[in-house]
Amino acid sequence: MLMQFMFEEEESSLFLVVINHEEQYSIWPKERKIPKGWKAEGKEGTKQKCLDHIEKVWTDMRPLSLRKKTEDA
């Protein structure tokens, strides 16, 4: 029963899309403090809406430092 409650709560909770200095994306519960090294990207909504947004915008999963290194080569 607890797992079902946690799942239902997660589905109705609001999340933020967060991004780090390497331009890697994740989601974070809106009511919790964003961890060090991450910042809000600007999108918020249900878990699924945030994941859908990340799927659209994060087209190159390589960290920024690796992308820059590859471009310079």
PDB file of N, CA and C in Angstrom:
ATOM      1  N   MET A   1       0.819  -1.199   0.000  1.00  0.00           N
ATOM      2  CA  MET A   1       0.000   0.000   0.000  1.00  0.00           C
ATOM      3  C   MET A   1       0.862   1.261   0.000  1.00  0.00           C
ATOM      4  N   LEU A   2       1.961   1.243   0.741  1.00  0.00           N
ATOM      5  CA  LEU A   2       2.840   2.404   0.806  1.00  0.00           C
ATOM      6  C   LEU A   2       3.416   2.721  -0.567  1.00  0.00           C
ATOM      7  N   MET A   3       3.863   1.696  -1.307  1.00  0.00           N
ATOM      8  CA  MET A   3       4.422   1.915  -2.638  1.00  0.00           C
ATOM      9  C   MET A   3       3.381   2.534  -3.564  1.00  0.00           C
ATOM     10  N   GLN A   4       2.143   2.070  -3.479  1.00  0.00           N
ATOM     11  CA  GLN A   4       1.086   2.618  -4.325  1.00  0.00           C
ATOM     12  C   GLN A   4       0.865   4.084  -3.984  1.00  0.00           C
ATOM     13  N   PHE A   5       0.850   4.422  -2.704  1.00  0.00           N
ATOM     14  CA  PHE A   5       0.669   5.806  -2.280  1.00  0.00           C
ATOM     15  C   PHE A   5       1.820   6.666  -2.787  1.00  0.00           C
ATOM     16  N   MET A   6       3.051   6.167  -2.658  1.00  0.00           N
ATOM     17  CA  MET A   6       4.215   6.930  -3.110  1.00  0.00           C
ATOM     18  C   MET A   6       4.145   7.161  -4.617  1.00  0.00           C
ATOM     19  N   PHE A   7       3.726   6.152  -5.370  1.00  0.00           N
ATOM     20  CA  PHE A   7       3.619   6.289  -6.820  1.00  0.00           C
ATOM     21  C   PHE A   7       2.562   7.328  -7.180  1.00  0.00           C
ATOM     22  N   GLU A   8       1.406   7.262  -6.539  1.00  0.00           N
ATOM     23  CA  GLU A   8       0.339   8.217  -6.822  1.00  0.00           C
ATOM     24  C   GLU A   8       0.772   9.626  -6.463  1.00  0.00           C
ATOM     25  N   GLU A   9       1.466   9.770  -5.334  1.00  0.00           N
ATOM     26  CA  GLU A   9       1.944  11.083  -4.911  1.00  0.00           C
ATOM     27  C   GLU A   9       2.946  11.630  -5.927  1.00  0.00           C
ATOM     28  N   GLU A  10       3.831  10.765  -6.420  1.00  0.00           N
ATOM     29  CA  GLU A  10       4.826  11.183  -7.403  1.00  0.00           C
ATOM     30  C   GLU A  10       4.159  11.664  -8.687  1.00  0.00           C
ATOM     31  N   GLU A  11       3.122  10.975  -9.115  1.00  0.00           N
ATOM     32  CA  GLU A  11       2.441  11.339 -10.355  1.00  0.00           C
ATOM     33  C   GLU A  11       1.719  12.682 -10.238  1.00  0.00           C
ATOM     34  N   SER A  12       1.295  13.062  -9.046  1.00  0.00           N
ATOM     35  CA  SER A  12       0.589  14.331  -8.886  1.00  0.00           C
ATOM     36  C   SER A  12       1.512  15.449  -8.420  1.00  0.00           C
ATOM     37  N   SER A  13       2.756  15.137  -8.108  1.00  0.00           N
ATOM     38  CA  SER A  13       3.715  16.139  -7.648  1.00  0.00           C
ATOM     39  C   SER A  13       4.215  16.974  -8.814  1.00  0.00           C
ATOM     40  N   LEU A  14       4.708  18.152  -8.484  1.00  0.00           N
ATOM     41  CA  LEU A  14       5.323  19.005  -9.494  1.00  0.00           C
ATOM     42  C   LEU A  14       6.832  18.845  -9.442  1.00  0.00           C
ATOM     43  N   PHE A  15       7.435  18.878 -10.605  1.00  0.00           N
ATOM     44  CA  PHE A  15       8.879  18.733 -10.735  1.00  0.00           C
ATOM     45  C   PHE A  15       9.439  19.919 -11.507  1.00  0.00           C
ATOM     46  N   LEU A  16      10.724  20.150 -11.325  1.00  0.00           N
ATOM     47  CA  LEU A  16      11.473  21.136 -12.096  1.00  0.00           C
ATOM     48  C   LEU A  16      12.440  20.398 -12.999  1.00  0.00           C
ATOM     49  N   VAL A  17      12.698  20.952 -14.159  1.00  0.00           N
ATOM     50  CA  VAL A  17      13.802  20.472 -14.983  1.00  0.00           C
ATOM     51  C   VAL A  17      15.023  21.245 -14.503  1.00  0.00           C
ATOM     52  N   VAL A  18      16.075  20.517 -14.179  1.00  0.00           N
ATOM     53  CA  VAL A  18      17.310  21.146 -13.713  1.00  0.00           C
ATOM     54  C   VAL A  18      18.442  20.793 -14.670  1.00  0.00           C
ATOM     55  N   ILE A  19      19.473  21.645 -14.668  1.00  0.00           N
ATOM     56  CA  ILE A  19      20.613  21.466 -15.559  1.00  0.00           C
ATOM     57  C   ILE A  19      21.884  21.791 -14.780  1.00  0.00           C
ATOM     58  N   ASN A  20      22.970  21.088 -15.095  1.00  0.00           N
ATOM     59  CA  ASN A  20      24.233  21.363 -14.411  1.00  0.00           C
ATOM     60  C   ASN A  20      25.206  22.061 -15.355  1.00  0.00           C
ATOM     61  N   HIS A  21      26.422  22.329 -14.875  1.00  0.00           N
ATOM     62  CA  HIS A  21      27.407  23.080 -15.663  1.00  0.00           C
ATOM     63  C   HIS A  21      27.865  22.319 -16.909  1.00  0.00           C
ATOM     64  N   GLU A  22      27.626  21.027 -16.957  1.00  0.00           N
ATOM     65  CA  GLU A  22      27.972  20.216 -18.132  1.00  0.00           C
ATOM     66  C   GLU A  22      26.785  20.077 -19.088  1.00  0.00           C
ATOM     67  N   GLU A  23      25.732  20.861 -18.824  1.00  0.00           N
ATOM     68  CA  GLU A  23      24.500  20.848 -19.621  1.00  0.00           C
ATOM     69  C   GLU A  23      23.847  19.473 -19.663  1.00  0.00           C
ATOM     70  N   GLN A  24      23.894  18.790 -18.519  1.00  0.00           N
ATOM     71  CA  GLN A  24      23.185  17.525 -18.341  1.00  0.00           C
ATOM     72  C   GLN A  24      21.881  17.844 -17.618  1.00  0.00           C
ATOM     73  N   TYR A  25      20.813  17.204 -18.023  1.00  0.00           N
ATOM     74  CA  TYR A  25      19.480  17.492 -17.502  1.00  0.00           C
ATOM     75  C   TYR A  25      19.017  16.422 -16.524  1.00  0.00           C
ATOM     76  N   SER A  26      18.126  16.843 -15.636  1.00  0.00           N
ATOM     77  CA  SER A  26      17.471  15.924 -14.719  1.00  0.00           C
ATOM     78  C   SER A  26      16.172  16.575 -14.265  1.00  0.00           C
ATOM     79  N   ILE A  27      15.410  15.844 -13.457  1.00  0.00           N
ATOM     80  CA  ILE A  27      14.220  16.430 -12.837  1.00  0.00           C
ATOM     81  C   ILE A  27      14.417  16.415 -11.333  1.00  0.00           C
ATOM     82  N   TRP A  28      13.738  17.340 -10.659  1.00  0.00           N
ATOM     83  CA  TRP A  28      13.861  17.463  -9.219  1.00  0.00           C
ATOM     84  C   TRP A  28      12.510  17.879  -8.656  1.00  0.00           C
ATOM     85  N   PRO A  29      12.086  17.294  -7.523  1.00  0.00           N
ATOM     86  CA  PRO A  29      10.804  17.697  -6.922  1.00  0.00           C
ATOM     87  C   PRO A  29      10.795  19.198  -6.611  1.00  0.00           C
ATOM     88  N   LYS A  30       9.743  19.886  -7.023  1.00  0.00           N
ATOM     89  CA  LYS A  30       9.661  21.341  -6.875  1.00  0.00           C
ATOM     90  C   LYS A  30       9.762  21.784  -5.422  1.00  0.00           C
ATOM     91  N   GLU A  31       9.225  20.994  -4.518  1.00  0.00           N
ATOM     92  CA  GLU A  31       9.199  21.419  -3.112  1.00  0.00           C
ATOM     93  C   GLU A  31      10.544  21.223  -2.398  1.00  0.00           C
ATOM     94  N   ARG A  32      11.497  20.591  -3.055  1.00  0.00           N
ATOM     95  CA  ARG A  32      12.807  20.353  -2.428  1.00  0.00           C
ATOM     96  C   ARG A  32      13.833  21.348  -2.946  1.00  0.00           C
ATOM     97  N   LYS A  33      14.811  21.647  -2.112  1.00  0.00           N
ATOM     98  CA  LYS A  33      15.891  22.557  -2.491  1.00  0.00           C
ATOM     99  C   LYS A  33      16.738  21.898  -3.583  1.00  0.00           C
ATOM    100  N   ILE A  34      17.050  22.672  -4.620  1.00  0.00           N
ATOM    101  CA  ILE A  34      17.863  22.150  -5.724  1.00  0.00           C
ATOM    102  C   ILE A  34      19.285  21.918  -5.210  1.00  0.00           C
ATOM    103  N   PRO A  35      19.864  20.754  -5.510  1.00  0.00           N
ATOM    104  CA  PRO A  35      21.208  20.447  -5.016  1.00  0.00           C
ATOM    105  C   PRO A  35      22.277  21.367  -5.619  1.00  0.00           C
ATOM    106  N   LYS A  36      23.371  21.496  -4.888  1.00  0.00           N
ATOM    107  CA  LYS A  36      24.517  22.270  -5.368  1.00  0.00           C
ATOM    108  C   LYS A  36      24.964  21.738  -6.719  1.00  0.00           C
ATOM    109  N   GLY A  37      25.334  22.642  -7.599  1.00  0.00           N
ATOM    110  CA  GLY A  37      25.805  22.243  -8.913  1.00  0.00           C
ATOM    111  C   GLY A  37      24.711  22.154  -9.964  1.00  0.00           C
ATOM    112  N   TRP A  38      23.480  22.335  -9.554  1.00  0.00           N
ATOM    113  CA  TRP A  38      22.339  22.283 -10.470  1.00  0.00           C
ATOM    114  C   TRP A  38      21.572  23.587 -10.370  1.00  0.00           C
ATOM    115  N   LYS A  39      20.866  23.959 -11.439  1.00  0.00           N
ATOM    116  CA  LYS A  39      19.995  25.137 -11.408  1.00  0.00           C
ATOM    117  C   LYS A  39      18.731  24.828 -12.198  1.00  0.00           C
ATOM    118  N   ALA A  40      17.681  25.557 -11.869  1.00  0.00           N
ATOM    119  CA  ALA A  40      16.419  25.371 -12.585  1.00  0.00           C
ATOM    120  C   ALA A  40      16.596  25.816 -14.031  1.00  0.00           C
ATOM    121  N   GLU A  41      16.098  25.023 -14.950  1.00  0.00           N
ATOM    122  CA  GLU A  41      16.212  25.300 -16.378  1.00  0.00           C
ATOM    123  C   GLU A  41      15.057  26.162 -16.862  1.00  0.00           C
ATOM    124  N   GLY A  42      13.959  26.162 -16.118  1.00  0.00           N
ATOM    125  CA  GLY A  42      12.823  27.003 -16.479  1.00  0.00           C
ATOM    126  C   GLY A  42      11.524  26.253 -16.708  1.00  0.00           C
ATOM    127  N   LYS A  43      11.597  24.959 -16.924  1.00  0.00           N
ATOM    128  CA  LYS A  43      10.393  24.153 -17.164  1.00  0.00           C
ATOM    129  C   LYS A  43       9.974  23.476 -15.866  1.00  0.00           C
ATOM    130  N   GLU A  44       8.688  23.474 -15.586  1.00  0.00           N
ATOM    131  CA  GLU A  44       8.162  22.722 -14.444  1.00  0.00           C
ATOM    132  C   GLU A  44       6.835  22.113 -14.832  1.00  0.00           C
ATOM    133  N   GLY A  45       6.481  21.047 -14.144  1.00  0.00           N
ATOM    134  CA  GLY A  45       5.214  20.378 -14.418  1.00  0.00           C
ATOM    135  C   GLY A  45       5.219  18.987 -13.819  1.00  0.00           C
ATOM    136  N   THR A  46       4.366  18.137 -14.349  1.00  0.00           N
ATOM    137  CA  THR A  46       4.334  16.758 -13.870  1.00  0.00           C
ATOM    138  C   THR A  46       5.643  16.078 -14.253  1.00  0.00           C
ATOM    139  N   LYS A  47       5.889  14.946 -13.645  1.00  0.00           N
ATOM    140  CA  LYS A  47       7.108  14.199 -13.951  1.00  0.00           C
ATOM    141  C   LYS A  47       7.183  13.902 -15.445  1.00  0.00           C
ATOM    142  N   GLN A  48       6.096  13.425 -16.018  1.00  0.00           N
ATOM    143  CA  GLN A  48       6.102  13.062 -17.432  1.00  0.00           C
ATOM    144  C   GLN A  48       6.317  14.269 -18.336  1.00  0.00           C
ATOM    145  N   LYS A  49       5.692  15.404 -18.020  1.00  0.00           N
ATOM    146  CA  LYS A  49       5.885  16.601 -18.850  1.00  0.00           C
ATOM    147  C   LYS A  49       7.337  17.057 -18.807  1.00  0.00           C
ATOM    148  N   CYS A  50       7.955  16.976 -17.639  1.00  0.00           N
ATOM    149  CA  CYS A  50       9.362  17.362 -17.517  1.00  0.00           C
ATOM    150  C   CYS A  50      10.254  16.399 -18.296  1.00  0.00           C
ATOM    151  N   LEU A  51       9.976  15.107 -18.203  1.00  0.00           N
ATOM    152  CA  LEU A  51      10.765  14.123 -18.949  1.00  0.00           C
ATOM    153  C   LEU A  51      10.582  14.300 -20.457  1.00  0.00           C
ATOM    154  N   ASP A  52       9.367  14.613 -20.891  1.00  0.00           N
ATOM    155  CA  ASP A  52       9.117  14.865 -22.314  1.00  0.00           C
ATOM    156  C   ASP A  52       9.913  16.081 -22.790  1.00  0.00           C
ATOM    157  N   HIS A  53       9.963  17.119 -21.967  1.00  0.00           N
ATOM    158  CA  HIS A  53      10.728  18.325 -22.309  1.00  0.00           C
ATOM    159  C   HIS A  53      12.212  17.996 -22.445  1.00  0.00           C
ATOM    160  N   ILE A  54      12.741  17.238 -21.496  1.00  0.00           N
ATOM    161  CA  ILE A  54      14.156  16.862 -21.548  1.00  0.00           C
ATOM    162  C   ILE A  54      14.442  16.073 -22.818  1.00  0.00           C
ATOM    163  N   GLU A  55      13.555  15.171 -23.173  1.00  0.00           N
ATOM    164  CA  GLU A  55      13.750  14.370 -24.384  1.00  0.00           C
ATOM    165  C   GLU A  55      13.845  15.257 -25.628  1.00  0.00           C
ATOM    166  N   LYS A  56      13.095  16.367 -25.646  1.00  0.00           N
ATOM    167  CA  LYS A  56      13.124  17.287 -26.788  1.00  0.00           C
ATOM    168  C   LYS A  56      14.403  18.119 -26.835  1.00  0.00           C
ATOM    169  N   VAL A  57      14.841  18.617 -25.675  1.00  0.00           N
ATOM    170  CA  VAL A  57      15.949  19.582 -25.669  1.00  0.00           C
ATOM    171  C   VAL A  57      17.326  18.958 -25.502  1.00  0.00           C
ATOM    172  N   TRP A  58      17.412  17.782 -24.911  1.00  0.00           N
ATOM    173  CA  TRP A  58      18.721  17.173 -24.650  1.00  0.00           C
ATOM    174  C   TRP A  58      19.027  16.187 -25.766  1.00  0.00           C
ATOM    175  N   THR A  59      19.459  16.712 -26.893  1.00  0.00           N
ATOM    176  CA  THR A  59      19.657  15.883 -28.078  1.00  0.00           C
ATOM    177  C   THR A  59      21.056  15.285 -28.162  1.00  0.00           C
ATOM    178  N   ASP A  60      22.006  15.860 -27.442  1.00  0.00           N
ATOM    179  CA  ASP A  60      23.375  15.340 -27.417  1.00  0.00           C
ATOM    180  C   ASP A  60      23.742  15.102 -25.958  1.00  0.00           C
ATOM    181  N   MET A  61      23.784  13.857 -25.550  1.00  0.00           N
ATOM    182  CA  MET A  61      23.968  13.534 -24.139  1.00  0.00           C
ATOM    183  C   MET A  61      25.412  13.629 -23.661  1.00  0.00           C
ATOM    184  N   ARG A  62      26.322  13.933 -24.562  1.00  0.00           N
ATOM    185  CA  ARG A  62      27.708  14.090 -24.119  1.00  0.00           C
ATOM    186  C   ARG A  62      27.818  15.322 -23.230  1.00  0.00           C
ATOM    187  N   PRO A  63      28.638  15.259 -22.175  1.00  0.00           N
ATOM    188  CA  PRO A  63      28.851  16.445 -21.342  1.00  0.00           C
ATOM    189  C   PRO A  63      29.415  17.601 -22.181  1.00  0.00           C
ATOM    190  N   LEU A  64      29.131  18.824 -21.777  1.00  0.00           N
ATOM    191  CA  LEU A  64      29.581  20.009 -22.498  1.00  0.00           C
ATOM    192  C   LEU A  64      31.089  19.998 -22.719  1.00  0.00           C
ATOM    193  N   SER A  65      31.857  19.618 -21.702  1.00  0.00           N
ATOM    194  CA  SER A  65      33.316  19.614 -21.839  1.00  0.00           C
ATOM    195  C   SER A  65      33.770  18.661 -22.949  1.00  0.00           C
ATOM    196  N   LEU A  66      33.128  17.532 -23.087  1.00  0.00           N
ATOM    197  CA  LEU A  66      33.479  16.582 -24.142  1.00  0.00           C
ATOM    198  C   LEU A  66      33.067  17.117 -25.514  1.00  0.00           C
ATOM    199  N   ARG A  67      31.896  17.744 -25.592  1.00  0.00           N
ATOM    200  CA  ARG A  67      31.459  18.327 -26.867  1.00  0.00           C
ATOM    201  C   ARG A  67      32.437  19.402 -27.332  1.00  0.00           C
ATOM    202  N   LYS A  68      32.884  20.244 -26.394  1.00  0.00           N
ATOM    203  CA  LYS A  68      33.838  21.301 -26.745  1.00  0.00           C
ATOM    204  C   LYS A  68      35.160  20.703 -27.203  1.00  0.00           C
ATOM    205  N   LYS A  69      35.620  19.683 -26.499  1.00  0.00           N
ATOM    206  CA  LYS A  69      36.884  19.033 -26.848  1.00  0.00           C
ATOM    207  C   LYS A  69      36.794  18.429 -28.253  1.00  0.00           C
ATOM    208  N   THR A  70      35.670  17.810 -28.565  1.00  0.00           N
ATOM    209  CA  THR A  70      35.456  17.191 -29.866  1.00  0.00           C
ATOM    210  C   THR A  70      35.407  18.248 -30.970  1.00  0.00           C
ATOM    211  N   GLU A  71      34.762  19.384 -30.696  1.00  0.00           N
ATOM    212  CA  GLU A  71      34.664  20.463 -31.682  1.00  0.00           C
ATOM    213  C   GLU A  71      36.030  21.076 -31.971  1.00  0.00           C
ATOM    214  N   ASP A  72      36.882  21.166 -30.949  1.00  0.00           N
ATOM    215  CA  ASP A  72      38.205  21.770 -31.099  1.00  0.00           C
ATOM    216  C   ASP A  72      39.183  20.867 -31.832  1.00  0.00           C
ATOM    217  N   ALA A  73      38.889  19.583 -31.893  1.00  0.00           N
ATOM    218  CA  ALA A  73      39.826  18.627 -32.511  1.00  0.00           C
ATOM    219  C   ALA A  73      39.791  18.684 -34.017  1.00  0.00           C
TER     220      ALA A  73
END
